[in-house]
PDB file of all heavy atoms in Angstrom:
ATOM      1  N   LEU A   1      -3.443  -4.493  -0.955  1.00  0.00           N
ATOM      2  CA  LEU A   1      -4.349  -4.563  -2.012  1.00  0.00           C
ATOM      3  C   LEU A   1      -3.501  -4.377  -3.366  1.00  0.00           C
ATOM      4  O   LEU A   1      -3.793  -5.018  -4.373  1.00  0.00           O
ATOM      5  CB  LEU A   1      -5.454  -3.517  -1.992  1.00  0.00           C
ATOM      6  CG  LEU A   1      -6.628  -3.830  -1.128  1.00  0.00           C
ATOM      7  CD1 LEU A   1      -7.605  -2.639  -1.134  1.00  0.00           C
ATOM      8  CD2 LEU A   1      -7.360  -5.095  -1.626  1.00  0.00           C
ATOM      9  N   VAL A   2      -2.517  -3.417  -3.299  1.00  0.00           N
ATOM     10  CA  VAL A   2      -1.686  -3.119  -4.463  1.00  0.00           C
ATOM     11  C   VAL A   2      -0.968  -4.414  -4.815  1.00  0.00           C
ATOM     12  O   VAL A   2      -0.847  -4.821  -6.039  1.00  0.00           O
ATOM     13  CB  VAL A   2      -0.782  -2.023  -4.158  1.00  0.00           C
ATOM     14  CG1 VAL A   2       0.179  -1.873  -5.366  1.00  0.00           C
ATOM     15  CG2 VAL A   2      -1.478  -0.751  -3.908  1.00  0.00           C
ATOM     16  N   GLU A   3      -0.463  -5.137  -3.909  1.00  0.00           N
ATOM     17  CA  GLU A   3       0.238  -6.408  -4.113  1.00  0.00           C
ATOM     18  C   GLU A   3      -0.645  -7.400  -4.909  1.00  0.00           C
ATOM     19  O   GLU A   3      -0.209  -7.998  -5.831  1.00  0.00           O
ATOM     20  CB  GLU A   3       0.778  -6.998  -2.776  1.00  0.00           C
ATOM     21  CG  GLU A   3       1.942  -6.318  -2.250  1.00  0.00           C
ATOM     22  CD  GLU A   3       2.448  -7.039  -0.946  1.00  0.00           C
ATOM     23  OE1 GLU A   3       1.547  -7.404  -0.093  1.00  0.00           O
ATOM     24  OE2 GLU A   3       3.646  -7.275  -0.841  1.00  0.00           O
ATOM     25  N   GLU A   4      -1.837  -7.487  -4.397  1.00  0.00           N
ATOM     26  CA  GLU A   4      -2.804  -8.520  -4.919  1.00  0.00           C
ATOM     27  C   GLU A   4      -3.213  -8.047  -6.357  1.00  0.00           C
ATOM     28  O   GLU A   4      -3.270  -8.928  -7.298  1.00  0.00           O
ATOM     29  CB  GLU A   4      -4.012  -8.604  -4.068  1.00  0.00           C
ATOM     30  CG  GLU A   4      -5.096  -9.621  -4.596  1.00  0.00           C
ATOM     31  CD  GLU A   4      -6.269  -9.628  -3.764  1.00  0.00           C
ATOM     32  OE1 GLU A   4      -6.136  -9.543  -2.451  1.00  0.00           O
ATOM     33  OE2 GLU A   4      -7.396  -9.691  -4.288  1.00  0.00           O
ATOM     34  N   ARG A   5      -3.557  -6.729  -6.523  1.00  0.00           N
ATOM     35  CA  ARG A   5      -4.011  -6.368  -7.837  1.00  0.00           C
ATOM     36  C   ARG A   5      -2.934  -6.359  -8.884  1.00  0.00           C
ATOM     37  O   ARG A   5      -3.201  -6.702 -10.065  1.00  0.00           O
ATOM     38  CB  ARG A   5      -4.528  -4.915  -7.675  1.00  0.00           C
ATOM     39  CG  ARG A   5      -5.076  -4.306  -8.952  1.00  0.00           C
ATOM     40  CD  ARG A   5      -5.794  -2.990  -8.786  1.00  0.00           C
ATOM     41  NE  ARG A   5      -7.110  -3.189  -8.146  1.00  0.00           N
ATOM     42  CZ  ARG A   5      -8.088  -2.267  -8.135  1.00  0.00           C
ATOM     43  NH1 ARG A   5      -7.863  -1.035  -8.677  1.00  0.00           N
ATOM     44  NH2 ARG A   5      -9.290  -2.531  -7.509  1.00  0.00           N
ATOM     45  N   PHE A   6      -1.669  -6.086  -8.604  1.00  0.00           N
ATOM     46  CA  PHE A   6      -0.604  -5.971  -9.620  1.00  0.00           C
ATOM     47  C   PHE A   6       0.348  -7.174  -9.518  1.00  0.00           C
ATOM     48  O   PHE A   6       1.399  -7.130 -10.254  1.00  0.00           O
ATOM     49  CB  PHE A   6       0.068  -4.670  -9.493  1.00  0.00           C
ATOM     50  CG  PHE A   6      -0.698  -3.498  -9.795  1.00  0.00           C
ATOM     51  CD1 PHE A   6      -1.335  -2.729  -8.808  1.00  0.00           C
ATOM     52  CD2 PHE A   6      -1.020  -3.078 -11.097  1.00  0.00           C
ATOM     53  CE1 PHE A   6      -2.171  -1.645  -9.120  1.00  0.00           C
ATOM     54  CE2 PHE A   6      -1.761  -2.024 -11.408  1.00  0.00           C
ATOM     55  CZ  PHE A   6      -2.392  -1.239 -10.454  1.00  0.00           C
ATOM     56  N   ASN A   7       0.106  -8.069  -8.623  1.00  0.00           N
ATOM     57  CA  ASN A   7       1.002  -9.273  -8.469  1.00  0.00           C
ATOM     58  C   ASN A   7       2.462  -8.823  -8.290  1.00  0.00           C
ATOM     59  O   ASN A   7       3.307  -9.275  -9.059  1.00  0.00           O
ATOM     60  CB  ASN A   7       0.869 -10.167  -9.729  1.00  0.00           C
ATOM     61  CG  ASN A   7       1.511 -11.526  -9.503  1.00  0.00           C
ATOM     62  OD1 ASN A   7       1.564 -11.941  -8.397  1.00  0.00           O
ATOM     63  ND2 ASN A   7       1.904 -12.127 -10.568  1.00  0.00           N
ATOM     64  N   VAL A   8       2.704  -8.033  -7.310  1.00  0.00           N
ATOM     65  CA  VAL A   8       4.045  -7.582  -6.970  1.00  0.00           C
ATOM     66  C   VAL A   8       4.289  -7.780  -5.522  1.00  0.00           C
ATOM     67  O   VAL A   8       3.391  -8.059  -4.740  1.00  0.00           O
ATOM     68  CB  VAL A   8       4.312  -6.070  -7.342  1.00  0.00           C
ATOM     69  CG1 VAL A   8       4.225  -5.864  -8.808  1.00  0.00           C
ATOM     70  CG2 VAL A   8       3.272  -5.203  -6.547  1.00  0.00           C
ATOM     71  N   ASP A   9       5.581  -7.753  -5.034  1.00  0.00           N
ATOM     72  CA  ASP A   9       5.968  -7.857  -3.649  1.00  0.00           C
ATOM     73  C   ASP A   9       6.401  -6.470  -3.166  1.00  0.00           C
ATOM     74  O   ASP A   9       7.285  -5.841  -3.756  1.00  0.00           O
ATOM     75  CB  ASP A   9       7.091  -8.872  -3.517  1.00  0.00           C
ATOM     76  CG  ASP A   9       7.495  -9.075  -2.052  1.00  0.00           C
ATOM     77  OD1 ASP A   9       6.643  -9.345  -1.259  1.00  0.00           O
ATOM     78  OD2 ASP A   9       8.656  -8.818  -1.768  1.00  0.00           O
ATOM     79  N   ILE A  10       5.817  -6.066  -2.077  1.00  0.00           N
ATOM     80  CA  ILE A  10       6.069  -4.622  -1.552  1.00  0.00           C
ATOM     81  C   ILE A  10       6.614  -4.742  -0.104  1.00  0.00           C
ATOM     82  O   ILE A  10       6.090  -5.452   0.702  1.00  0.00           O
ATOM     83  CB  ILE A  10       4.852  -3.813  -1.557  1.00  0.00           C
ATOM     84  CG1 ILE A  10       4.259  -3.668  -3.048  1.00  0.00           C
ATOM     85  CG2 ILE A  10       5.161  -2.384  -0.982  1.00  0.00           C
ATOM     86  CD1 ILE A  10       3.013  -2.838  -3.029  1.00  0.00           C
ATOM     87  N   SER A  11       7.751  -4.046   0.114  1.00  0.00           N
ATOM     88  CA  SER A  11       8.336  -4.011   1.417  1.00  0.00           C
ATOM     89  C   SER A  11       8.272  -2.499   1.958  1.00  0.00           C
ATOM     90  O   SER A  11       8.536  -1.635   1.088  1.00  0.00           O
ATOM     91  CB  SER A  11       9.733  -4.462   1.420  1.00  0.00           C
ATOM     92  OG  SER A  11       9.902  -5.803   1.110  1.00  0.00           O
ATOM     93  N   ILE A  12       7.964  -2.365   3.170  1.00  0.00           N
ATOM     94  CA  ILE A  12       7.932  -0.936   3.715  1.00  0.00           C
ATOM     95  C   ILE A  12       9.006  -0.889   4.838  1.00  0.00           C
ATOM     96  O   ILE A  12       8.933  -1.648   5.836  1.00  0.00           O
ATOM     97  CB  ILE A  12       6.557  -0.703   4.365  1.00  0.00           C
ATOM     98  CG1 ILE A  12       5.396  -0.960   3.353  1.00  0.00           C
ATOM     99  CG2 ILE A  12       6.464   0.810   4.890  1.00  0.00           C
ATOM    100  CD1 ILE A  12       4.005  -0.821   3.915  1.00  0.00           C
ATOM    101  N   LYS A  13       9.954  -0.030   4.629  1.00  0.00           N
ATOM    102  CA  LYS A  13      11.099   0.093   5.565  1.00  0.00           C
ATOM    103  C   LYS A  13      10.767   0.719   6.875  1.00  0.00           C
ATOM    104  O   LYS A  13      11.202   0.344   7.978  1.00  0.00           O
ATOM    105  CB  LYS A  13      12.193   0.846   4.849  1.00  0.00           C
ATOM    106  CG  LYS A  13      13.033  -0.034   3.870  1.00  0.00           C
ATOM    107  CD  LYS A  13      14.255   0.702   3.365  1.00  0.00           C
ATOM    108  CE  LYS A  13      15.103  -0.193   2.481  1.00  0.00           C
ATOM    109  NZ  LYS A  13      16.395   0.456   2.152  1.00  0.00           N
ATOM    110  N   ASP A  14       9.929   1.822   6.772  1.00  0.00           N
ATOM    111  CA  ASP A  14       9.708   2.703   7.951  1.00  0.00           C
ATOM    112  C   ASP A  14       8.378   2.166   8.629  1.00  0.00           C
ATOM    113  O   ASP A  14       7.349   2.264   7.989  1.00  0.00           O
ATOM    114  CB  ASP A  14       9.622   4.098   7.562  1.00  0.00           C
ATOM    115  CG  ASP A  14       9.732   5.071   8.721  1.00  0.00           C
ATOM    116  OD1 ASP A  14       9.115   4.648   9.796  1.00  0.00           O
ATOM    117  OD2 ASP A  14      10.314   6.122   8.642  1.00  0.00           O
ATOM    118  N   GLU A  15       8.390   1.859   9.860  1.00  0.00           N
ATOM    119  CA  GLU A  15       7.197   1.378  10.521  1.00  0.00           C
ATOM    120  C   GLU A  15       6.208   2.471  10.682  1.00  0.00           C
ATOM    121  O   GLU A  15       4.971   2.173  10.627  1.00  0.00           O
ATOM    122  CB  GLU A  15       7.545   0.803  11.897  1.00  0.00           C
ATOM    123  CG  GLU A  15       6.328   0.144  12.656  1.00  0.00           C
ATOM    124  CD  GLU A  15       6.746  -0.474  13.974  1.00  0.00           C
ATOM    125  OE1 GLU A  15       7.834  -0.757  14.139  1.00  0.00           O
ATOM    126  OE2 GLU A  15       5.861  -0.691  14.811  1.00  0.00           O
ATOM    127  N   SER A  16       6.565   3.709  10.807  1.00  0.00           N
ATOM    128  CA  SER A  16       5.713   4.856  10.943  1.00  0.00           C
ATOM    129  C   SER A  16       4.850   5.030   9.720  1.00  0.00           C
ATOM    130  O   SER A  16       3.731   5.478   9.747  1.00  0.00           O
ATOM    131  CB  SER A  16       6.407   6.107  11.279  1.00  0.00           C
ATOM    132  OG  SER A  16       7.284   6.569  10.256  1.00  0.00           O
ATOM    133  N   ILE A  17       5.455   4.682   8.532  1.00  0.00           N
ATOM    134  CA  ILE A  17       4.772   4.788   7.285  1.00  0.00           C
ATOM    135  C   ILE A  17       3.685   3.673   7.232  1.00  0.00           C
ATOM    136  O   ILE A  17       2.549   3.905   6.764  1.00  0.00           O
ATOM    137  CB  ILE A  17       5.637   4.673   6.127  1.00  0.00           C
ATOM    138  CG1 ILE A  17       6.684   5.790   6.089  1.00  0.00           C
ATOM    139  CG2 ILE A  17       4.899   4.617   4.774  1.00  0.00           C
ATOM    140  CD1 ILE A  17       7.698   5.711   4.973  1.00  0.00           C
ATOM    141  N   GLN A  18       3.980   2.519   7.741  1.00  0.00           N
ATOM    142  CA  GLN A  18       3.026   1.390   7.649  1.00  0.00           C
ATOM    143  C   GLN A  18       1.689   1.751   8.381  1.00  0.00           C
ATOM    144  O   GLN A  18       0.634   1.380   7.904  1.00  0.00           O
ATOM    145  CB  GLN A  18       3.596   0.180   8.342  1.00  0.00           C
ATOM    146  CG  GLN A  18       4.772  -0.462   7.654  1.00  0.00           C
ATOM    147  CD  GLN A  18       5.196  -1.751   8.270  1.00  0.00           C
ATOM    148  OE1 GLN A  18       4.342  -2.582   8.671  1.00  0.00           O
ATOM    149  NE2 GLN A  18       6.483  -2.027   8.446  1.00  0.00           N
ATOM    150  N   THR A  19       1.805   2.519   9.487  1.00  0.00           N
ATOM    151  CA  THR A  19       0.583   2.772  10.277  1.00  0.00           C
ATOM    152  C   THR A  19      -0.041   4.087   9.915  1.00  0.00           C
ATOM    153  O   THR A  19      -1.060   4.479  10.493  1.00  0.00           O
ATOM    154  CB  THR A  19       0.971   2.779  11.775  1.00  0.00           C
ATOM    155  OG1 THR A  19       1.999   3.709  12.041  1.00  0.00           O
ATOM    156  CG2 THR A  19       1.388   1.288  12.189  1.00  0.00           C
ATOM    157  N   SER A  20       0.532   4.825   9.027  1.00  0.00           N
ATOM    158  CA  SER A  20      -0.048   6.082   8.572  1.00  0.00           C
ATOM    159  C   SER A  20      -1.394   5.910   7.932  1.00  0.00           C
ATOM    160  O   SER A  20      -1.514   4.966   7.047  1.00  0.00           O
ATOM    161  CB  SER A  20       0.960   6.857   7.699  1.00  0.00           C
ATOM    162  OG  SER A  20       0.338   8.042   7.255  1.00  0.00           O
ATOM    163  N   ARG A  21      -2.396   6.689   8.269  1.00  0.00           N
ATOM    164  CA  ARG A  21      -3.785   6.471   7.745  1.00  0.00           C
ATOM    165  C   ARG A  21      -4.100   7.592   6.705  1.00  0.00           C
ATOM    166  O   ARG A  21      -3.686   8.733   6.927  1.00  0.00           O
ATOM    167  CB  ARG A  21      -4.791   6.444   8.814  1.00  0.00           C
ATOM    168  CG  ARG A  21      -4.714   5.230   9.741  1.00  0.00           C
ATOM    169  CD  ARG A  21      -5.899   5.122  10.727  1.00  0.00           C
ATOM    170  NE  ARG A  21      -5.884   3.826  11.403  1.00  0.00           N
ATOM    171  CZ  ARG A  21      -6.444   2.773  10.911  1.00  0.00           C
ATOM    172  NH1 ARG A  21      -7.090   2.805   9.800  1.00  0.00           N
ATOM    173  NH2 ARG A  21      -6.336   1.641  11.594  1.00  0.00           N
ATOM    174  N   PHE A  22      -4.898   7.220   5.736  1.00  0.00           N
ATOM    175  CA  PHE A  22      -5.317   8.145   4.677  1.00  0.00           C
ATOM    176  C   PHE A  22      -6.474   7.608   3.977  1.00  0.00           C
ATOM    177  O   PHE A  22      -6.940   6.419   4.121  1.00  0.00           O
ATOM    178  CB  PHE A  22      -4.117   8.421   3.715  1.00  0.00           C
ATOM    179  CG  PHE A  22      -3.794   7.266   2.754  1.00  0.00           C
ATOM    180  CD1 PHE A  22      -4.024   7.351   1.410  1.00  0.00           C
ATOM    181  CD2 PHE A  22      -3.251   6.009   3.326  1.00  0.00           C
ATOM    182  CE1 PHE A  22      -3.706   6.237   0.572  1.00  0.00           C
ATOM    183  CE2 PHE A  22      -2.928   4.990   2.441  1.00  0.00           C
ATOM    184  CZ  PHE A  22      -3.204   5.043   1.074  1.00  0.00           C
ATOM    185  N   THR A  23      -7.088   8.403   3.203  1.00  0.00           N
ATOM    186  CA  THR A  23      -8.244   8.050   2.260  1.00  0.00           C
ATOM    187  C   THR A  23      -7.948   8.354   0.902  1.00  0.00           C
ATOM    188  O   THR A  23      -7.490   9.505   0.520  1.00  0.00           O
ATOM    189  CB  THR A  23      -9.453   8.880   2.752  1.00  0.00           C
ATOM    190  OG1 THR A  23      -9.818   8.448   4.148  1.00  0.00           O
ATOM    191  CG2 THR A  23     -10.674   8.517   1.855  1.00  0.00           C
ATOM    192  N   THR A  24      -8.291   7.447  -0.002  1.00  0.00           N
ATOM    193  CA  THR A  24      -8.008   7.658  -1.468  1.00  0.00           C
ATOM    194  C   THR A  24      -8.946   6.686  -2.223  1.00  0.00           C
ATOM    195  O   THR A  24      -9.635   5.825  -1.632  1.00  0.00           O
ATOM    196  CB  THR A  24      -6.578   7.343  -1.790  1.00  0.00           C
ATOM    197  OG1 THR A  24      -6.316   7.774  -3.158  1.00  0.00           O
ATOM    198  CG2 THR A  24      -6.181   5.825  -1.616  1.00  0.00           C
ATOM    199  N   THR A  25      -8.897   6.829  -3.540  1.00  0.00           N
ATOM    200  CA  THR A  25      -9.580   5.951  -4.426  1.00  0.00           C
ATOM    201  C   THR A  25      -8.672   5.367  -5.445  1.00  0.00           C
ATOM    202  O   THR A  25      -7.958   6.064  -6.084  1.00  0.00           O
ATOM    203  CB  THR A  25     -10.761   6.778  -5.168  1.00  0.00           C
ATOM    204  OG1 THR A  25     -11.734   7.221  -4.199  1.00  0.00           O
ATOM    205  CG2 THR A  25     -11.433   5.790  -6.158  1.00  0.00           C
ATOM    206  N   PHE A  26      -8.714   4.077  -5.529  1.00  0.00           N
ATOM    207  CA  PHE A  26      -7.915   3.373  -6.581  1.00  0.00           C
ATOM    208  C   PHE A  26      -8.796   3.306  -7.802  1.00  0.00           C
ATOM    209  O   PHE A  26      -9.823   2.663  -7.870  1.00  0.00           O
ATOM    210  CB  PHE A  26      -7.516   1.976  -6.115  1.00  0.00           C
ATOM    211  CG  PHE A  26      -6.359   1.903  -5.163  1.00  0.00           C
ATOM    212  CD1 PHE A  26      -5.985   0.611  -4.657  1.00  0.00           C
ATOM    213  CD2 PHE A  26      -5.749   3.009  -4.729  1.00  0.00           C
ATOM    214  CE1 PHE A  26      -4.922   0.541  -3.762  1.00  0.00           C
ATOM    215  CE2 PHE A  26      -4.633   2.977  -3.852  1.00  0.00           C
ATOM    216  CZ  PHE A  26      -4.281   1.700  -3.338  1.00  0.00           C
ATOM    217  N   GLU A  27      -8.418   4.026  -8.826  1.00  0.00           N
ATOM    218  CA  GLU A  27      -9.277   4.147  -9.992  1.00  0.00           C
ATOM    219  C   GLU A  27      -9.010   2.932 -10.966  1.00  0.00           C
ATOM    220  O   GLU A  27      -7.910   2.409 -11.021  1.00  0.00           O
ATOM    221  CB  GLU A  27      -8.938   5.413 -10.783  1.00  0.00           C
ATOM    222  CG  GLU A  27      -9.336   6.616 -10.021  1.00  0.00           C
ATOM    223  CD  GLU A  27      -8.876   7.906 -10.712  1.00  0.00           C
ATOM    224  OE1 GLU A  27      -8.218   7.912 -11.772  1.00  0.00           O
ATOM    225  OE2 GLU A  27      -9.291   9.038 -10.247  1.00  0.00           O
ATOM    226  N   LYS A  28     -10.121   2.488 -11.573  1.00  0.00           N
ATOM    227  CA  LYS A  28     -10.059   1.374 -12.507  1.00  0.00           C
ATOM    228  C   LYS A  28      -9.094   1.802 -13.618  1.00  0.00           C
ATOM    229  O   LYS A  28      -9.041   2.833 -14.203  1.00  0.00           O
ATOM    230  CB  LYS A  28     -11.418   1.167 -13.124  1.00  0.00           C
ATOM    231  CG  LYS A  28     -11.419   0.074 -14.196  1.00  0.00           C
ATOM    232  CD  LYS A  28     -12.751  -0.073 -14.841  1.00  0.00           C
ATOM    233  CE  LYS A  28     -12.727  -1.048 -16.036  1.00  0.00           C
ATOM    234  NZ  LYS A  28     -13.966  -1.163 -16.707  1.00  0.00           N
TER     235      LYS A  28
END
């Protein structure tokens, strides 16, 4: 979603980070 909203390219090096779950709110 961050990539789409800000038109950037994001790479995640650590696979464990990719699957980590959390809850947050992206504020306007």
